């Protein structure tokens, strides 16, 4: 019997081009997933409001995971949910900012999105200003630019860990966050899909391009590494064979997803 597939994907540098943020090169695979009713779960450092806009543009209707796992959103009608569900993990944003302020007062040199204007965020990230405004609406994480030395960064990371927080490197920014990660949200949703599909075999596919995606990829049945600036840092045990794209961004994403769909008998 044909297995049920659930696809989890990072966005920046993976499904979205690292420079233009375009996903158009992945359109054939996106259409094939939709035609076969295969859920595409966006799993990103982006905020919930950013991801709603992207889902609408891509014509994707499925649960999504925002801010590296800080929030899981299940829209009404998905996973047999009559109303929208919002599940929070980790500490709220205001508590996170209190801890970061203490570290800054102790000498940590960084700039977070909360410190930057909409214009500054747009300039640093390559986003348009309306997109940057949505990127600043955080629920449980804070993107940072580190302005100190490597040695100071190690001290900063250790200090955050003592407070139960983590510092994770993404494509452009460091992300200060709680003990949740992308994998936790993926596990939560995969369990819900398994309950929904009953006794049918469910195979999870995860795609990512940076160390921020490592745990999500390790949790998937099929990890797919999309070629990118930091993709060589994604390494797996000999027992886990990861698919690696030849091309970066949405072009590589498209090829890998189409190949996997054919492998599992989806036309």
Protein backbone atom coordinates (compact mmCIF):
# COMPACT_ATOMS: atom_id res chain seq x y z
CA UNK A 1 0.00 0.00 0.00
CA UNK A 2 1.24 3.50 -0.84
CA UNK A 3 2.47 5.23 2.33
CA UNK A 4 1.19 8.56 3.55
CA UNK A 5 3.82 11.29 3.22
CA UNK A 6 4.16 14.37 5.42
CA UNK A 7 6.72 16.98 4.31
CA UNK A 8 8.36 19.41 6.73
CA UNK A 9 10.44 22.21 5.25
CA UNK A 10 12.60 25.11 6.30
CA UNK A 11 12.03 28.30 4.32
CA UNK A 12 14.99 30.73 3.98
CA UNK A 13 17.66 29.19 1.75
CA UNK A 14 15.62 26.01 1.37
CA UNK A 15 12.18 26.52 -0.17
CA UNK A 16 12.87 30.26 -0.52
CA UNK A 17 15.86 31.60 -2.46
CA UNK A 18 18.50 32.95 -0.08
CA UNK A 19 18.70 36.30 -1.89
CA UNK A 20 15.34 36.94 -3.57
CA UNK A 21 13.10 34.94 -1.19
CA UNK A 22 11.35 33.57 -4.29
CA UNK A 23 9.84 30.06 -4.23
CA UNK A 24 8.80 30.00 -7.91
CA UNK A 25 11.44 27.44 -8.92
CA UNK A 26 9.73 24.97 -6.58
CA UNK A 27 6.28 25.43 -8.10
CA UNK A 28 6.18 22.06 -9.96
CA UNK A 29 6.83 20.14 -6.73
CA UNK A 30 4.43 22.33 -4.75
CA UNK A 31 1.68 21.62 -7.26
CA UNK A 32 2.44 17.88 -7.21
CA UNK A 33 2.21 17.81 -3.39
CA UNK A 34 -1.12 19.65 -3.48
CA UNK A 35 -2.53 17.41 -6.22
CA UNK A 36 -1.75 14.34 -4.12
CA UNK A 37 -3.08 15.78 -0.86
CA UNK A 38 0.33 15.57 0.82
CA UNK A 39 0.67 18.01 3.75
CA UNK A 40 3.46 20.56 3.42
CA UNK A 41 4.35 21.86 6.88
CA UNK A 42 6.37 25.07 6.81
CA UNK A 43 8.86 25.00 9.70
CA UNK A 44 10.84 28.20 9.99
CA UNK A 45 12.36 30.96 12.08
CA UNK A 46 9.75 33.24 10.50
CA UNK A 47 6.91 34.62 12.60
CA UNK A 48 3.35 33.35 12.50
CA UNK A 49 2.09 36.41 10.61
CA UNK A 50 4.86 36.03 8.02
CA UNK A 51 4.00 32.39 7.46
CA UNK A 52 0.29 33.06 7.03
CA UNK A 53 1.11 35.39 4.15
CA UNK A 54 3.47 32.85 2.57
CA UNK A 55 0.95 30.05 2.86
CA UNK A 56 -1.63 32.19 1.11
CA UNK A 57 0.77 33.06 -1.72
CA UNK A 58 1.79 29.42 -2.16
CA UNK A 59 -1.80 28.19 -1.85
CA UNK A 60 -0.71 25.86 0.93
CA UNK A 61 -3.22 24.94 3.60
CA UNK A 62 -1.64 22.90 6.40
CA UNK A 63 -0.37 23.34 9.94
CA UNK A 64 2.85 25.30 10.28
CA UNK A 65 5.63 25.78 12.83
CA UNK A 66 6.81 29.34 13.48
CA UNK A 67 9.89 30.83 15.14
CA UNK A 68 11.92 27.62 15.20
CA UNK A 69 9.21 25.74 17.10
CA UNK A 70 8.02 28.46 19.47
CA UNK A 71 4.51 28.15 18.04
CA UNK A 72 2.59 25.45 16.19
CA UNK A 73 -0.54 26.65 14.37
CA UNK A 74 -3.20 24.23 13.13
CA UNK A 75 -5.72 26.08 10.91
CA UNK A 76 -9.40 25.24 11.14
CA UNK A 77 -10.17 22.26 8.92
CA UNK A 78 -6.69 20.74 9.23
CA UNK A 79 -6.10 17.56 11.25
CA UNK A 80 -9.84 17.36 11.94
CA UNK A 81 -9.69 20.61 13.90
CA UNK A 82 -12.92 22.62 13.80
CA UNK A 83 -11.26 25.80 15.05
CA UNK A 84 -7.74 27.15 14.72
CA UNK A 85 -5.37 25.74 17.33
CA UNK A 86 -2.28 27.62 18.55
CA UNK A 87 0.16 25.63 20.65
CA UNK A 88 2.99 27.47 22.44
CA UNK A 89 6.35 25.99 23.43
CA UNK A 90 9.07 27.62 25.53
CA UNK A 91 9.13 31.02 27.24
CA UNK A 92 7.12 34.02 26.01
CA UNK A 93 8.99 36.72 24.10
CA UNK A 94 8.85 39.29 26.92
CA UNK A 95 10.56 36.88 29.35
CA UNK A 96 13.23 36.12 26.77
CA UNK A 97 13.90 39.83 26.30
CA UNK A 98 14.35 40.34 30.06
CA UNK A 99 17.11 37.72 30.08
CA UNK A 100 18.79 39.24 27.02
CA UNK A 101 18.74 42.67 28.66
CA UNK A 102 20.52 41.27 31.72
CA UNK A 103 23.22 39.82 29.45
CA UNK A 104 23.61 43.11 27.58
CA UNK A 105 24.08 44.93 30.87
CA UNK A 106 26.77 42.36 31.68
CA UNK A 107 28.64 43.25 28.49
CA UNK A 108 27.18 41.06 25.74
CA UNK A 109 27.37 42.89 22.41
CA UNK A 110 24.44 42.16 20.12
CA UNK A 111 21.59 43.81 18.25
CA UNK A 112 18.20 42.14 18.24
CA UNK A 113 15.15 42.76 16.11
CA UNK A 114 13.63 44.60 19.07
CA UNK A 115 16.52 47.09 18.91
CA UNK A 116 16.21 47.69 15.19
CA UNK A 117 13.73 49.80 13.24
CA UNK A 118 11.60 48.32 10.50
CA UNK A 119 13.89 50.03 7.97
CA UNK A 120 17.01 48.53 9.57
CA UNK A 121 15.53 45.03 9.65
CA UNK A 122 14.53 45.38 6.00
CA UNK A 123 18.03 46.52 5.01
CA UNK A 124 19.81 43.75 6.92
CA UNK A 125 17.50 40.94 5.86
CA UNK A 126 16.67 41.97 2.29
CA UNK A 127 12.97 42.05 3.16
CA UNK A 128 10.55 44.74 2.05
CA UNK A 129 9.46 47.05 4.85
CA UNK A 130 5.99 45.52 5.21
CA UNK A 131 7.65 42.10 5.42
CA UNK A 132 10.14 43.40 7.99
CA UNK A 133 7.25 44.71 10.07
CA UNK A 134 5.78 41.20 10.20
CA UNK A 135 9.22 39.76 11.01
CA UNK A 136 9.42 41.95 14.13
CA UNK A 137 6.20 40.51 15.58
CA UNK A 138 7.83 37.84 17.75
CA UNK A 139 6.09 35.36 20.07
CA UNK A 140 8.97 33.36 21.52
CA UNK A 141 12.35 34.00 19.87
CA UNK A 142 14.67 36.92 19.09
CA UNK A 143 16.96 37.08 16.01
CA UNK A 144 20.34 38.64 16.83
CA UNK A 145 23.34 40.11 15.08
CA UNK A 146 26.46 39.38 17.12
CA UNK A 147 28.90 42.31 17.39
CA UNK A 148 31.41 40.80 19.84
CA UNK A 149 34.33 38.40 19.50
CA UNK A 150 34.10 34.63 19.12
CA UNK A 151 35.28 34.20 22.70
CA UNK A 152 32.58 36.57 23.94
CA UNK A 153 30.02 34.70 21.87
CA UNK A 154 30.96 31.45 23.63
CA UNK A 155 30.52 33.18 27.01
CA UNK A 156 27.16 34.62 25.91
CA UNK A 157 25.96 31.20 24.76
CA UNK A 158 27.01 29.63 28.08
CA UNK A 159 25.24 32.35 30.06
CA UNK A 160 22.02 31.80 28.12
CA UNK A 161 22.24 28.05 28.70
CA UNK A 162 22.38 28.67 32.45
CA UNK A 163 19.04 30.45 32.06
CA UNK A 164 17.53 27.53 30.13
CA UNK A 165 17.87 29.25 26.76
CA UNK A 166 19.64 28.34 23.53
CA UNK A 167 21.51 30.26 20.83
CA UNK A 168 21.09 28.74 17.37
CA UNK A 169 22.71 29.86 14.12
CA UNK A 170 20.39 30.43 11.19
CA UNK A 171 21.05 31.53 7.65
CA UNK A 172 21.53 35.25 8.44
CA UNK A 173 21.04 35.66 12.18
CA UNK A 174 21.60 33.99 15.51
CA UNK A 175 18.35 33.06 17.26
CA UNK A 176 17.93 33.32 21.04
CA UNK A 177 15.20 30.92 22.10
CA UNK A 178 13.94 28.46 24.70
CA UNK A 179 14.68 24.76 24.88
CA UNK A 180 12.21 23.95 22.09
CA UNK A 181 13.40 23.45 18.53
CA UNK A 182 12.02 22.73 15.07
CA UNK A 183 12.02 19.01 15.82
CA UNK A 184 9.69 19.37 18.81
CA UNK A 185 6.99 21.01 16.72
CA UNK A 186 7.50 18.43 13.95
CA UNK A 187 7.15 15.53 16.41
CA UNK A 188 3.97 17.09 17.81
CA UNK A 189 2.39 17.40 14.36
CA UNK A 190 3.62 14.03 13.14
CA UNK A 191 1.89 12.38 16.08
CA UNK A 192 -1.33 14.23 15.20
CA UNK A 193 -1.06 13.11 11.57
CA UNK A 194 -0.47 9.51 12.63
CA UNK A 195 -3.61 9.66 14.78
CA UNK A 196 -5.53 11.14 11.85
CA UNK A 197 -4.30 8.52 9.35
CA UNK A 198 -4.94 5.60 11.69
CA UNK A 199 -3.12 2.39 10.79
CA UNK A 200 -1.71 3.71 7.51
CA UNK A 201 2.08 3.94 7.21
CA UNK A 202 3.30 7.52 7.57
CA UNK A 203 6.70 8.58 6.23
CA UNK A 204 8.11 11.97 7.19
CA UNK A 205 10.38 13.98 4.89
CA UNK A 206 12.27 17.03 6.16
CA UNK A 207 14.24 19.55 4.12
CA UNK A 208 16.69 22.16 5.44
CA UNK A 209 19.95 23.95 4.68
CA UNK A 210 21.57 25.10 7.96
CA UNK A 211 22.55 23.91 11.46
CA UNK A 212 19.25 25.37 12.65
CA UNK A 213 17.57 22.46 10.82
CA UNK A 214 19.77 19.65 12.19
CA UNK A 215 17.37 18.29 14.81
CA UNK A 216 14.36 18.49 12.50
CA UNK A 217 16.26 16.53 9.84
CA UNK A 218 17.43 13.92 12.35
CA UNK A 219 13.82 13.27 13.41
CA UNK A 220 12.57 12.65 9.87
CA UNK A 221 12.45 9.29 8.14
CA UNK A 222 14.07 10.97 5.14
CA UNK A 223 16.38 13.95 5.80
CA UNK A 224 17.07 16.16 2.78
CA UNK A 225 19.90 18.71 2.89
CA UNK A 226 19.49 21.59 0.47
CA UNK A 227 22.79 23.00 -0.73
CA UNK A 228 23.55 26.33 0.96
CA UNK A 229 26.09 28.52 2.73
CA UNK A 230 26.15 26.38 5.90
CA UNK A 231 24.81 23.08 4.56
CA UNK A 232 28.17 21.31 4.88
CA UNK A 233 27.82 21.66 8.65
CA UNK A 234 24.83 19.31 8.53
CA UNK A 235 26.32 15.90 9.23
CA UNK A 236 24.63 12.64 10.19
CA UNK A 237 25.65 9.32 11.68
CA UNK A 238 26.72 6.60 9.22
CA UNK A 239 23.42 4.83 9.87
CA UNK A 240 21.46 7.83 8.58
CA UNK A 241 21.80 8.52 4.86
CA UNK A 242 20.69 12.03 3.94
CA UNK A 243 19.68 13.06 0.45
CA UNK A 244 21.62 16.15 -0.66
CA UNK A 245 20.55 18.48 -3.45
CA UNK A 246 22.85 19.43 -6.29
CA UNK A 247 21.42 22.94 -6.56
CA UNK A 248 20.69 25.48 -3.82
CA UNK A 249 17.35 26.87 -2.70
CA UNK A 250 14.02 26.19 -4.38
CA UNK A 251 15.60 24.65 -7.49
CA UNK A 252 17.29 21.98 -5.39
CA UNK A 253 14.16 21.61 -3.23
CA UNK A 254 12.01 21.06 -6.30
CA UNK A 255 14.27 18.32 -7.72
CA UNK A 256 14.52 16.43 -4.42
CA UNK A 257 10.79 16.52 -3.69
CA UNK A 258 9.85 15.42 -7.21
CA UNK A 259 12.33 12.52 -7.02
CA UNK A 260 10.93 11.38 -3.67
CA UNK A 261 7.34 11.58 -4.92
CA UNK A 262 8.23 9.35 -7.87
CA UNK A 263 10.07 6.94 -5.56
CA UNK A 264 6.94 6.49 -3.45
CA UNK A 265 4.63 6.13 -6.43
CA UNK A 266 3.02 9.57 -6.48
CA UNK A 267 2.37 10.95 -9.97
